[in-house]
Protein backbone atom coordinates (compact mmCIF):
# COMPACT_ATOMS: atom_id res chain seq x y z
CA MET A 1 124.45 114.72 74.89
CA ARG A 2 128.07 115.27 73.83
CA LEU A 3 128.40 111.56 73.03
CA VAL A 4 125.34 111.70 70.79
CA LEU A 5 126.77 114.66 68.87
CA ASP A 6 130.10 112.87 68.51
CA ALA A 7 128.36 109.78 67.17
CA ILE A 8 126.41 111.82 64.62
CA ALA A 9 129.62 113.49 63.51
CA THR A 10 131.26 110.08 63.12
CA ILE A 11 128.39 108.88 60.91
CA LEU A 12 128.62 111.99 58.74
CA ARG A 13 132.37 111.49 58.29
CA ALA A 14 131.71 107.84 57.37
CA LEU A 15 129.66 108.97 54.39
CA LEU A 16 132.87 110.36 52.88
CA ILE A 17 134.85 107.13 53.32
CA PRO A 18 135.09 104.50 50.52
CA ASP A 19 132.59 101.65 50.88
CA ARG A 20 134.99 99.00 52.19
CA ARG A 21 136.07 101.20 55.09
CA LYS A 22 132.60 102.31 56.16
CA LEU A 23 131.47 99.26 58.12
CA PRO A 24 133.85 99.56 61.12
CA VAL A 25 133.12 103.28 61.43
CA PHE A 26 129.36 102.77 61.27
CA ALA A 27 129.61 100.02 63.90
CA LEU A 28 131.51 102.35 66.23
CA ALA A 29 128.99 105.14 65.72
CA LEU A 30 126.06 102.81 66.36
CA ALA A 31 127.65 101.56 69.58
CA LEU A 32 128.09 105.15 70.76
CA VAL A 33 124.46 106.03 70.02
CA CYS A 34 123.07 102.89 71.73
CA GLY A 35 125.24 103.27 74.78
CA CYS A 36 124.74 106.95 75.53
CA GLY A 37 120.96 107.13 75.93
CA PRO A 38 119.30 107.64 79.32
CA ARG A 39 118.73 104.54 81.42
CA THR A 40 115.06 103.61 81.50
CA ASP A 41 113.17 103.23 84.76
CA ASN A 42 109.51 102.98 85.75
CA SER A 43 109.27 106.13 87.85
CA ARG A 44 106.82 107.80 85.48
CA VAL A 45 104.52 104.80 85.15
CA ARG A 46 101.08 105.41 86.63
CA LEU A 47 99.03 102.26 87.22
CA GLU A 48 96.24 101.55 89.68
CA ALA A 49 97.22 99.26 92.55
CA PRO A 50 95.96 95.66 92.33
CA GLU A 51 92.58 94.89 93.80
CA GLU A 52 93.01 93.00 97.07
CA ARG A 53 90.09 90.58 96.66
CA THR A 54 90.82 87.21 98.24
CA THR A 55 87.36 85.63 98.06
CA MET A 56 87.74 81.89 97.50
CA SER A 57 86.18 80.08 94.54
CA PRO A 58 85.91 76.50 93.19
CA GLY A 59 89.31 75.18 92.17
CA ASP A 60 91.26 77.41 94.56
CA VAL A 61 94.00 75.76 96.60
CA PHE A 62 94.51 76.82 100.20
CA ARG A 63 96.53 75.86 103.25
CA MET A 64 94.86 75.32 106.61
CA SER A 65 96.45 74.56 109.95
CA ILE A 66 94.94 73.98 113.38
CA VAL A 67 97.48 74.78 116.05
CA GLY A 68 98.36 71.67 118.04
CA GLU A 69 96.92 69.25 115.46
CA ARG A 70 100.06 67.97 113.74
CA ASP A 71 98.83 64.96 111.76
CA LEU A 72 96.33 66.78 109.55
CA PRO A 73 96.69 67.55 105.82
CA GLU A 74 98.00 71.03 105.05
CA GLU A 75 96.67 71.68 101.55
CA TYR A 76 93.10 71.52 100.28
CA GLN A 77 91.30 72.28 97.02
CA ILE A 78 87.75 73.58 96.73
CA ALA A 79 85.52 71.31 94.65
CA SER A 80 83.42 72.47 91.69
CA ASP A 81 80.33 72.72 93.93
CA GLY A 82 82.14 75.11 96.30
CA THR A 83 82.68 72.59 99.07
CA VAL A 84 85.79 71.05 100.60
CA GLU A 85 86.43 68.00 102.76
CA LEU A 86 87.91 69.18 106.07
CA PRO A 87 89.20 67.29 109.12
CA TYR A 88 86.62 66.60 111.86
CA ILE A 89 83.79 68.62 110.26
CA HIS A 90 83.84 66.84 106.85
CA ARG A 91 82.34 68.44 103.73
CA THR A 92 81.73 72.14 104.16
CA HIS A 93 80.71 74.90 101.75
CA VAL A 94 83.42 77.57 101.66
CA ALA A 95 83.19 79.23 98.21
CA GLY A 96 82.55 82.95 98.53
CA LEU A 97 84.34 83.25 101.87
CA GLU A 98 87.47 85.20 102.67
CA PRO A 99 90.28 83.14 104.28
CA GLN A 100 89.66 84.69 107.69
CA GLN A 101 85.93 83.95 107.41
CA MET A 102 86.68 80.33 106.63
CA ALA A 103 89.02 80.12 109.61
CA ALA A 104 86.26 81.48 111.83
CA LEU A 105 83.75 78.98 110.36
CA VAL A 106 86.05 76.02 111.07
CA HIS A 107 86.75 77.32 114.58
CA ASP A 108 83.05 77.68 115.39
CA GLU A 109 82.22 74.20 114.02
CA LEU A 110 84.97 72.55 116.03
CA VAL A 111 83.72 74.26 119.19
CA ARG A 112 80.03 73.58 118.45
CA ARG A 113 80.71 69.88 117.92
CA LYS A 114 82.85 69.82 121.08
CA ILE A 115 85.83 68.47 119.17
CA LEU A 116 88.22 71.19 120.38
CA VAL A 117 87.75 73.83 123.07
CA ASP A 118 89.15 77.01 121.52
CA PRO A 119 91.30 76.11 118.51
CA THR A 120 93.48 78.52 116.58
CA VAL A 121 92.75 78.05 112.86
CA VAL A 122 94.89 79.64 110.15
CA VAL A 123 93.86 79.70 106.46
CA ASN A 124 96.00 81.02 103.60
CA VAL A 125 95.23 80.87 99.88
CA LYS A 126 98.02 79.26 97.87
CA GLU A 127 96.56 79.61 94.37
CA PHE A 128 93.50 81.28 92.85
CA SER A 129 92.36 79.05 89.99
CA THR A 130 89.87 81.55 88.56
CA LYS A 131 92.26 84.51 88.80
CA ARG A 132 94.97 84.21 86.19
CA VAL A 133 97.67 86.28 84.54
CA THR A 134 98.75 85.90 80.91
CA VAL A 135 102.35 86.18 79.71
CA LEU A 136 102.89 86.37 75.93
CA GLY A 137 105.52 87.50 73.46
CA GLN A 138 109.23 86.83 73.75
CA VAL A 139 109.30 84.35 76.63
CA SER A 140 110.22 80.67 76.63
CA LYS A 141 106.82 79.30 77.67
CA PRO A 142 104.00 81.78 76.97
CA GLY A 143 100.66 81.00 78.57
CA SER A 144 98.14 81.66 81.32
CA PHE A 145 99.11 81.12 84.95
CA ALA A 146 97.12 80.92 88.18
CA LEU A 147 97.50 83.96 90.40
CA SER A 148 99.11 83.34 93.76
CA PRO A 149 99.00 85.96 96.54
CA GLY A 150 101.74 88.53 96.04
CA LEU A 151 102.64 87.39 92.50
CA SER A 152 104.84 90.04 90.87
CA LEU A 153 105.84 90.95 87.32
CA ILE A 154 109.27 89.31 87.66
CA GLN A 155 107.75 86.14 89.13
CA ALA A 156 105.16 85.89 86.33
CA ILE A 157 107.86 86.14 83.67
CA SER A 158 109.79 83.44 85.52
CA LEU A 159 106.70 81.19 85.45
CA ALA A 160 106.72 81.64 81.67
CA GLY A 161 110.27 80.30 81.49
CA GLY A 162 111.99 83.67 81.43
CA PHE A 163 112.97 85.78 78.44
CA ASN A 164 114.10 84.27 75.14
CA SER A 165 117.14 85.50 73.22
CA ILE A 166 115.34 88.30 71.34
CA ALA A 167 113.31 89.76 74.21
CA ASN A 168 113.41 93.50 74.81
CA LYS A 169 113.64 93.75 78.59
CA ASP A 170 113.07 97.51 78.43
CA ARG A 171 109.68 97.22 76.69
CA ILE A 172 107.24 95.06 78.62
CA ASN A 173 103.56 95.89 78.07
CA LEU A 174 101.32 95.37 81.09
CA THR A 175 97.57 95.67 80.50
CA ARG A 176 95.26 95.86 83.51
CA LYS A 177 91.49 96.11 83.74
CA THR A 178 90.48 99.01 85.98
CA LYS A 179 87.20 100.64 86.92
CA SER A 180 87.69 103.14 84.10
CA GLY A 181 88.60 100.49 81.52
CA ALA A 182 91.69 98.63 80.32
CA ARG A 183 94.99 100.47 80.70
CA THR A 184 98.37 99.54 79.19
CA VAL A 185 101.74 100.76 80.46
CA VAL A 186 105.27 100.06 79.20
CA LEU A 187 107.75 98.82 81.82
CA SER A 188 111.45 98.07 82.03
CA VAL A 189 112.34 94.78 83.71
CA ASP A 190 116.01 95.74 83.61
CA ALA A 191 115.16 98.70 85.83
CA ILE A 192 113.63 96.30 88.35
CA THR A 193 116.40 93.70 88.35
CA GLU A 194 119.05 96.43 88.59
CA GLY A 195 117.30 97.99 91.60
CA ARG A 196 116.30 101.27 89.93
CA SER A 197 112.57 100.53 90.20
CA PRO A 198 110.49 98.29 92.49
CA ASP A 199 108.84 95.11 91.25
CA LEU A 200 105.11 95.39 90.48
CA PRO A 201 102.44 93.22 92.13
CA LEU A 202 99.89 91.73 89.76
CA GLN A 203 96.16 91.11 89.91
CA GLY A 204 93.90 88.58 88.24
CA GLY A 205 93.33 89.36 84.57
CA ASP A 206 96.64 91.17 84.04
CA GLN A 207 98.16 90.62 80.58
CA ILE A 208 101.92 90.85 80.03
CA TYR A 209 103.46 91.13 76.58
CA VAL A 210 107.23 91.02 76.08
CA ASN A 211 108.24 92.92 72.95
CA GLU A 212 110.94 91.85 70.51
CA ARG A 213 114.33 93.54 70.59
CA ILE A 214 115.18 95.62 67.53
CA PHE A 215 118.65 94.84 66.25
């Protein structure tokens, strides 16, 4: 607070100085004002937690492994009709299933067809094609990006190429659709990268807008 008062006093004194001598004094006063404000964090931000829906849809990419079967592909993509070509059991409809349900389906088919006795099947979604986040404003490569499990605010901005030279890292708008309607909060990325606030997980449909820095 004392620094703010000192800066104001400096500005008032500058008004009494001849024009040619004002610029350095104004610059000093401006630096004092900009540097003495409170450091922003996200502690007062109230935003509903992301919805944890992992139902698979056409276009989604997932990883599947069958323990002990080393020569099988690891990544698969669900076709537009909701099916996927899988080892041993061939084309199977999986759209609408959770990863654990798909793992159980593959297990049961392998046992029913007497291909394996009691296999351990693990399925993890790599990328949700129908669930996307949008990053706009002062970033290098604005656009829409597929949601991956655990995608955070910092990671989404990185996907968009990071901040450009005029980005305001203390004013990031995040808009999320909730049960009560769309809600927008203002976040500080500096607070996250400096460890003063945790990173925020995203959900499909989130919109991020990076504001321009005011000089």
